[in-house]
PDB file of N, CA and C in Angstrom:
ATOM      1  N   UNK A   1     -88.363  -2.338  21.823  1.00  0.00           N
ATOM      2  CA  UNK A   1     -87.114  -1.603  21.762  1.00  0.00           C
ATOM      3  C   UNK A   1     -85.973  -2.424  22.371  1.00  0.00           C
ATOM      4  N   UNK A   2     -86.190  -2.987  23.533  1.00  0.00           N
ATOM      5  CA  UNK A   2     -85.150  -3.779  24.188  1.00  0.00           C
ATOM      6  C   UNK A   2     -84.908  -5.072  23.400  1.00  0.00           C
ATOM      7  N   UNK A   3     -85.961  -5.650  22.854  1.00  0.00           N
ATOM      8  CA  UNK A   3     -85.830  -6.885  22.082  1.00  0.00           C
ATOM      9  C   UNK A   3     -84.957  -6.656  20.842  1.00  0.00           C
ATOM     10  N   UNK A   4     -85.094  -5.499  20.209  1.00  0.00           N
ATOM     11  CA  UNK A   4     -84.248  -5.180  19.056  1.00  0.00           C
ATOM     12  C   UNK A   4     -82.788  -5.048  19.469  1.00  0.00           C
ATOM     13  N   UNK A   5     -82.534  -4.475  20.621  1.00  0.00           N
ATOM     14  CA  UNK A   5     -81.165  -4.347  21.125  1.00  0.00           C
ATOM     15  C   UNK A   5     -80.550  -5.705  21.423  1.00  0.00           C
ATOM     16  N   UNK A   6     -81.355  -6.602  21.989  1.00  0.00           N
ATOM     17  CA  UNK A   6     -80.867  -7.951  22.283  1.00  0.00           C
ATOM     18  C   UNK A   6     -80.562  -8.698  20.984  1.00  0.00           C
ATOM     19  N   UNK A   7     -81.438  -8.544  19.993  1.00  0.00           N
ATOM     20  CA  UNK A   7     -81.190  -9.193  18.696  1.00  0.00           C
ATOM     21  C   UNK A   7     -79.901  -8.675  18.067  1.00  0.00           C
ATOM     22  N   UNK A   8     -79.691  -7.371  18.116  1.00  0.00           N
ATOM     23  CA  UNK A   8     -78.492  -6.770  17.561  1.00  0.00           C
ATOM     24  C   UNK A   8     -77.245  -7.250  18.309  1.00  0.00           C
ATOM     25  N   UNK A   9     -77.362  -7.374  19.629  1.00  0.00           N
ATOM     26  CA  UNK A   9     -76.240  -7.841  20.431  1.00  0.00           C
ATOM     27  C   UNK A   9     -75.889  -9.289  20.074  1.00  0.00           C
ATOM     28  N   UNK A  10     -76.887 -10.137  19.957  1.00  0.00           N
ATOM     29  CA  UNK A  10     -76.653 -11.540  19.621  1.00  0.00           C
ATOM     30  C   UNK A  10     -76.066 -11.658  18.220  1.00  0.00           C
ATOM     31  N   UNK A  11     -76.586 -10.879  17.286  1.00  0.00           N
ATOM     32  CA  UNK A  11     -76.066 -10.894  15.927  1.00  0.00           C
ATOM     33  C   UNK A  11     -74.609 -10.440  15.898  1.00  0.00           C
ATOM     34  N   UNK A  12     -74.296  -9.388  16.611  1.00  0.00           N
ATOM     35  CA  UNK A  12     -72.916  -8.885  16.662  1.00  0.00           C
ATOM     36  C   UNK A  12     -71.976  -9.888  17.292  1.00  0.00           C
ATOM     37  N   UNK A  13     -72.390 -10.522  18.376  1.00  0.00           N
ATOM     38  CA  UNK A  13     -71.551 -11.526  19.026  1.00  0.00           C
ATOM     39  C   UNK A  13     -71.347 -12.735  18.119  1.00  0.00           C
ATOM     40  N   UNK A  14     -72.376 -13.113  17.366  1.00  0.00           N
ATOM     41  CA  UNK A  14     -72.256 -14.243  16.447  1.00  0.00           C
ATOM     42  C   UNK A  14     -71.284 -13.919  15.323  1.00  0.00           C
ATOM     43  N   UNK A  15     -71.334 -12.711  14.812  1.00  0.00           N
ATOM     44  CA  UNK A  15     -70.419 -12.309  13.744  1.00  0.00           C
ATOM     45  C   UNK A  15     -68.977 -12.333  14.243  1.00  0.00           C
ATOM     46  N   UNK A  16     -68.740 -11.810  15.437  1.00  0.00           N
ATOM     47  CA  UNK A  16     -67.394 -11.812  16.001  1.00  0.00           C
ATOM     48  C   UNK A  16     -66.920 -13.243  16.243  1.00  0.00           C
ATOM     49  N   UNK A  17     -67.779 -14.095  16.766  1.00  0.00           N
ATOM     50  CA  UNK A  17     -67.422 -15.490  17.021  1.00  0.00           C
ATOM     51  C   UNK A  17     -67.061 -16.204  15.717  1.00  0.00           C
ATOM     52  N   UNK A  18     -67.854 -16.003  14.683  1.00  0.00           N
ATOM     53  CA  UNK A  18     -67.575 -16.651  13.397  1.00  0.00           C
ATOM     54  C   UNK A  18     -66.266 -16.126  12.809  1.00  0.00           C
ATOM     55  N   UNK A  19     -66.021 -14.819  12.921  1.00  0.00           N
ATOM     56  CA  UNK A  19     -64.767 -14.251  12.423  1.00  0.00           C
ATOM     57  C   UNK A  19     -63.576 -14.843  13.158  1.00  0.00           C
ATOM     58  N   UNK A  20     -63.652 -14.945  14.476  1.00  0.00           N
ATOM     59  CA  UNK A  20     -62.552 -15.515  15.245  1.00  0.00           C
ATOM     60  C   UNK A  20     -62.348 -16.991  14.923  1.00  0.00           C
ATOM     61  N   UNK A  21     -63.422 -17.703  14.685  1.00  0.00           N
ATOM     62  CA  UNK A  21     -63.320 -19.110  14.315  1.00  0.00           C
ATOM     63  C   UNK A  21     -62.622 -19.268  12.964  1.00  0.00           C
ATOM     64  N   UNK A  22     -63.001 -18.458  11.990  1.00  0.00           N
ATOM     65  CA  UNK A  22     -62.359 -18.507  10.678  1.00  0.00           C
ATOM     66  C   UNK A  22     -60.888 -18.116  10.791  1.00  0.00           C
ATOM     67  N   UNK A  23     -60.588 -17.117  11.585  1.00  0.00           N
ATOM     68  CA  UNK A  23     -59.207 -16.693  11.780  1.00  0.00           C
ATOM     69  C   UNK A  23     -58.377 -17.799  12.423  1.00  0.00           C
ATOM     70  N   UNK A  24     -58.913 -18.452  13.430  1.00  0.00           N
ATOM     71  CA  UNK A  24     -58.209 -19.540  14.098  1.00  0.00           C
ATOM     72  C   UNK A  24     -57.962 -20.709  13.144  1.00  0.00           C
ATOM     73  N   UNK A  25     -58.954 -21.062  12.359  1.00  0.00           N
ATOM     74  CA  UNK A  25     -58.792 -22.154  11.406  1.00  0.00           C
ATOM     75  C   UNK A  25     -57.764 -21.823  10.329  1.00  0.00           C
ATOM     76  N   UNK A  26     -57.750 -20.583   9.871  1.00  0.00           N
ATOM     77  CA  UNK A  26     -56.777 -20.205   8.841  1.00  0.00           C
ATOM     78  C   UNK A  26     -55.355 -20.203   9.397  1.00  0.00           C
ATOM     79  N   UNK A  27     -55.182 -19.796  10.653  1.00  0.00           N
ATOM     80  CA  UNK A  27     -53.851 -19.829  11.262  1.00  0.00           C
ATOM     81  C   UNK A  27     -53.386 -21.268  11.439  1.00  0.00           C
ATOM     82  N   UNK A  28     -54.275 -22.145  11.880  1.00  0.00           N
ATOM     83  CA  UNK A  28     -53.910 -23.547  12.061  1.00  0.00           C
ATOM     84  C   UNK A  28     -53.569 -24.195  10.715  1.00  0.00           C
ATOM     85  N   UNK A  29     -54.320 -23.864   9.679  1.00  0.00           N
ATOM     86  CA  UNK A  29     -54.064 -24.422   8.355  1.00  0.00           C
ATOM     87  C   UNK A  29     -52.730 -23.926   7.806  1.00  0.00           C
ATOM     88  N   UNK A  30     -52.456 -22.645   7.960  1.00  0.00           N
ATOM     89  CA  UNK A  30     -51.183 -22.124   7.461  1.00  0.00           C
ATOM     90  C   UNK A  30     -50.010 -22.682   8.251  1.00  0.00           C
ATOM     91  N   UNK A  31     -50.187 -22.952   9.540  1.00  0.00           N
ATOM     92  CA  UNK A  31     -49.117 -23.566  10.326  1.00  0.00           C
ATOM     93  C   UNK A  31     -48.815 -24.967   9.824  1.00  0.00           C
ATOM     94  N   UNK A  32     -49.845 -25.709   9.463  1.00  0.00           N
ATOM     95  CA  UNK A  32     -49.629 -27.050   8.929  1.00  0.00           C
ATOM     96  C   UNK A  32     -48.989 -27.003   7.544  1.00  0.00           C
ATOM     97  N   UNK A  33     -49.381 -26.036   6.731  1.00  0.00           N
ATOM     98  CA  UNK A  33     -48.836 -25.939   5.380  1.00  0.00           C
ATOM     99  C   UNK A  33     -47.364 -25.544   5.376  1.00  0.00           C
ATOM    100  N   UNK A  34     -46.986 -24.612   6.242  1.00  0.00           N
ATOM    101  CA  UNK A  34     -45.627 -24.089   6.233  1.00  0.00           C
ATOM    102  C   UNK A  34     -44.690 -24.828   7.166  1.00  0.00           C
ATOM    103  N   UNK A  35     -45.189 -25.778   7.933  1.00  0.00           N
ATOM    104  CA  UNK A  35     -44.343 -26.528   8.855  1.00  0.00           C
ATOM    105  C   UNK A  35     -43.314 -27.348   8.090  1.00  0.00           C
ATOM    106  N   UNK A  36     -43.724 -28.007   7.026  1.00  0.00           N
ATOM    107  CA  UNK A  36     -42.814 -28.833   6.245  1.00  0.00           C
ATOM    108  C   UNK A  36     -41.798 -27.985   5.488  1.00  0.00           C
ATOM    109  N   UNK A  37     -42.206 -26.843   4.976  1.00  0.00           N
ATOM    110  CA  UNK A  37     -41.279 -26.013   4.220  1.00  0.00           C
ATOM    111  C   UNK A  37     -40.227 -25.399   5.144  1.00  0.00           C
ATOM    112  N   UNK A  38     -40.567 -25.067   6.388  1.00  0.00           N
ATOM    113  CA  UNK A  38     -39.587 -24.549   7.331  1.00  0.00           C
ATOM    114  C   UNK A  38     -38.553 -25.602   7.667  1.00  0.00           C
ATOM    115  N   UNK A  39     -38.958 -26.841   7.806  1.00  0.00           N
ATOM    116  CA  UNK A  39     -38.016 -27.906   8.127  1.00  0.00           C
ATOM    117  C   UNK A  39     -37.045 -28.125   6.978  1.00  0.00           C
ATOM    118  N   UNK A  40     -37.527 -28.035   5.756  1.00  0.00           N
ATOM    119  CA  UNK A  40     -36.649 -28.223   4.604  1.00  0.00           C
ATOM    120  C   UNK A  40     -35.655 -27.079   4.462  1.00  0.00           C
ATOM    121  N   UNK A  41     -36.103 -25.858   4.701  1.00  0.00           N
ATOM    122  CA  UNK A  41     -35.220 -24.700   4.551  1.00  0.00           C
ATOM    123  C   UNK A  41     -34.119 -24.733   5.601  1.00  0.00           C
ATOM    124  N   UNK A  42     -34.449 -25.032   6.844  1.00  0.00           N
ATOM    125  CA  UNK A  42     -33.440 -25.015   7.893  1.00  0.00           C
ATOM    126  C   UNK A  42     -32.446 -26.151   7.736  1.00  0.00           C
ATOM    127  N   UNK A  43     -32.853 -27.289   7.201  1.00  0.00           N
ATOM    128  CA  UNK A  43     -31.915 -28.386   7.018  1.00  0.00           C
ATOM    129  C   UNK A  43     -31.021 -28.164   5.809  1.00  0.00           C
ATOM    130  N   UNK A  44     -31.480 -27.409   4.831  1.00  0.00           N
ATOM    131  CA  UNK A  44     -30.681 -27.158   3.642  1.00  0.00           C
ATOM    132  C   UNK A  44     -29.611 -26.099   3.870  1.00  0.00           C
ATOM    133  N   UNK A  45     -29.829 -25.168   4.766  1.00  0.00           N
ATOM    134  CA  UNK A  45     -28.887 -24.071   4.945  1.00  0.00           C
ATOM    135  C   UNK A  45     -27.644 -24.483   5.703  1.00  0.00           C
ATOM    136  N   UNK A  46     -27.725 -25.481   6.529  1.00  0.00           N
ATOM    137  CA  UNK A  46     -26.572 -25.910   7.311  1.00  0.00           C
ATOM    138  C   UNK A  46     -26.342 -25.055   8.536  1.00  0.00           C
ATOM    139  N   UNK A  47     -27.239 -24.144   8.828  1.00  0.00           N
ATOM    140  CA  UNK A  47     -27.091 -23.278   9.989  1.00  0.00           C
ATOM    141  C   UNK A  47     -27.291 -24.036  11.288  1.00  0.00           C
ATOM    142  N   UNK A  48     -27.897 -25.192  11.221  1.00  0.00           N
ATOM    143  CA  UNK A  48     -28.141 -25.944  12.445  1.00  0.00           C
ATOM    144  C   UNK A  48     -26.868 -26.578  12.988  1.00  0.00           C
ATOM    145  N   UNK A  49     -25.786 -26.615  12.205  1.00  0.00           N
ATOM    146  CA  UNK A  49     -24.552 -27.223  12.682  1.00  0.00           C
ATOM    147  C   UNK A  49     -23.803 -26.322  13.648  1.00  0.00           C
ATOM    148  N   UNK A  50     -24.024 -25.012  13.573  1.00  0.00           N
ATOM    149  CA  UNK A  50     -23.360 -24.093  14.492  1.00  0.00           C
ATOM    150  C   UNK A  50     -24.101 -24.055  15.818  1.00  0.00           C
ATOM    151  N   UNK A  51     -23.334 -23.995  16.878  1.00  0.00           N
ATOM    152  CA  UNK A  51     -23.950 -23.912  18.190  1.00  0.00           C
ATOM    153  C   UNK A  51     -23.779 -22.502  18.736  1.00  0.00           C
ATOM    154  N   UNK A  52     -24.333 -22.271  19.874  1.00  0.00           N
ATOM    155  CA  UNK A  52     -24.206 -20.949  20.497  1.00  0.00           C
ATOM    156  C   UNK A  52     -22.771 -20.676  20.913  1.00  0.00           C
ATOM    157  N   UNK A  53     -22.038 -21.709  21.220  1.00  0.00           N
ATOM    158  CA  UNK A  53     -20.650 -21.512  21.641  1.00  0.00           C
ATOM    159  C   UNK A  53     -19.793 -20.968  20.503  1.00  0.00           C
ATOM    160  N   UNK A  54     -20.181 -21.193  19.274  1.00  0.00           N
ATOM    161  CA  UNK A  54     -19.441 -20.637  18.143  1.00  0.00           C
ATOM    162  C   UNK A  54     -19.712 -19.146  17.978  1.00  0.00           C
ATOM    163  N   UNK A  55     -20.847 -18.696  18.452  1.00  0.00           N
ATOM    164  CA  UNK A  55     -21.255 -17.309  18.242  1.00  0.00           C
ATOM    165  C   UNK A  55     -20.751 -16.400  19.361  1.00  0.00           C
ATOM    166  N   UNK A  56     -20.578 -16.914  20.557  1.00  0.00           N
ATOM    167  CA  UNK A  56     -20.208 -16.093  21.713  1.00  0.00           C
ATOM    168  C   UNK A  56     -18.879 -15.359  21.505  1.00  0.00           C
ATOM    169  N   UNK A  57     -17.813 -16.004  21.029  1.00  0.00           N
ATOM    170  CA  UNK A  57     -16.574 -15.240  20.807  1.00  0.00           C
ATOM    171  C   UNK A  57     -16.714 -14.145  19.761  1.00  0.00           C
ATOM    172  N   UNK A  58     -17.532 -14.365  18.771  1.00  0.00           N
ATOM    173  CA  UNK A  58     -17.743 -13.352  17.733  1.00  0.00           C
ATOM    174  C   UNK A  58     -18.436 -12.130  18.324  1.00  0.00           C
ATOM    175  N   UNK A  59     -19.451 -12.367  19.150  1.00  0.00           N
ATOM    176  CA  UNK A  59     -20.157 -11.252  19.791  1.00  0.00           C
ATOM    177  C   UNK A  59     -19.227 -10.513  20.737  1.00  0.00           C
ATOM    178  N   UNK A  60     -18.423 -11.252  21.507  1.00  0.00           N
ATOM    179  CA  UNK A  60     -17.485 -10.623  22.438  1.00  0.00           C
ATOM    180  C   UNK A  60     -16.467  -9.765  21.689  1.00  0.00           C
ATOM    181  N   UNK A  61     -15.975 -10.241  20.562  1.00  0.00           N
ATOM    182  CA  UNK A  61     -15.025  -9.459  19.774  1.00  0.00           C
ATOM    183  C   UNK A  61     -15.676  -8.209  19.199  1.00  0.00           C
ATOM    184  N   UNK A  62     -16.908  -8.319  18.781  1.00  0.00           N
ATOM    185  CA  UNK A  62     -17.613  -7.158  18.239  1.00  0.00           C
ATOM    186  C   UNK A  62     -17.839  -6.098  19.316  1.00  0.00           C
ATOM    187  N   UNK A  63     -18.205  -6.529  20.512  1.00  0.00           N
ATOM    188  CA  UNK A  63     -18.410  -5.582  21.612  1.00  0.00           C
ATOM    189  C   UNK A  63     -17.095  -4.920  21.993  1.00  0.00           C
ATOM    190  N   UNK A  64     -16.022  -5.689  22.049  1.00  0.00           N
ATOM    191  CA  UNK A  64     -14.709  -5.127  22.389  1.00  0.00           C
ATOM    192  C   UNK A  64     -14.261  -4.115  21.332  1.00  0.00           C
ATOM    193  N   UNK A  65     -14.492  -4.420  20.070  1.00  0.00           N
ATOM    194  CA  UNK A  65     -14.115  -3.489  19.005  1.00  0.00           C
ATOM    195  C   UNK A  65     -14.939  -2.208  19.080  1.00  0.00           C
ATOM    196  N   UNK A  66     -16.218  -2.341  19.390  1.00  0.00           N
ATOM    197  CA  UNK A  66     -17.072  -1.157  19.514  1.00  0.00           C
ATOM    198  C   UNK A  66     -16.610  -0.287  20.668  1.00  0.00           C
ATOM    199  N   UNK A  67     -16.324  -0.931  21.818  1.00  0.00           N
ATOM    200  CA  UNK A  67     -15.871  -0.171  22.982  1.00  0.00           C
ATOM    201  C   UNK A  67     -14.538   0.507  22.714  1.00  0.00           C
ATOM    202  N   UNK A  68     -13.616  -0.154  22.009  1.00  0.00           N
ATOM    203  CA  UNK A  68     -12.326   0.439  21.694  1.00  0.00           C
ATOM    204  C   UNK A  68     -12.482   1.623  20.752  1.00  0.00           C
ATOM    205  N   UNK A  69     -13.406   1.520  19.832  1.00  0.00           N
ATOM    206  CA  UNK A  69     -13.625   2.603  18.860  1.00  0.00           C
ATOM    207  C   UNK A  69     -14.259   3.811  19.513  1.00  0.00           C
ATOM    208  N   UNK A  70     -15.167   3.588  20.458  1.00  0.00           N
ATOM    209  CA  UNK A  70     -15.924   4.677  21.077  1.00  0.00           C
ATOM    210  C   UNK A  70     -15.483   4.939  22.508  1.00  0.00           C
ATOM    211  N   UNK A  71     -14.254   4.650  22.851  1.00  0.00           N
ATOM    212  CA  UNK A  71     -13.780   4.822  24.231  1.00  0.00           C
ATOM    213  C   UNK A  71     -13.710   6.292  24.619  1.00  0.00           C
ATOM    214  N   UNK A  72     -13.312   7.154  23.711  1.00  0.00           N
ATOM    215  CA  UNK A  72     -13.167   8.563  24.054  1.00  0.00           C
ATOM    216  C   UNK A  72     -14.425   9.377  23.765  1.00  0.00           C
ATOM    217  N   UNK A  73     -15.532   8.739  23.403  1.00  0.00           N
ATOM    218  CA  UNK A  73     -16.794   9.454  23.168  1.00  0.00           C
ATOM    219  C   UNK A  73     -17.509   9.767  24.476  1.00  0.00           C
ATOM    220  N   UNK A  74     -17.364   8.910  25.460  1.00  0.00           N
ATOM    221  CA  UNK A  74     -18.165   8.968  26.649  1.00  0.00           C
ATOM    222  C   UNK A  74     -17.707   9.878  27.693  1.00  0.00           C
TER     223      UNK A  74
END
């Protein structure tokens, strides 16, 4: 009875280990496959030319406009 439980435990652990191994390999393979396509997409869009300093005034203006619009709500 105990030997059957040990066999079942080992079999279950082996199945989980193999599943995790296959999952890890598939994630690593997909990372390698899509790494080149991500580099091409980001270089083609031209979004890399903008820095964070270009975005800060836009966010500040949006927050100021929101506060001005909803000043009498609070």
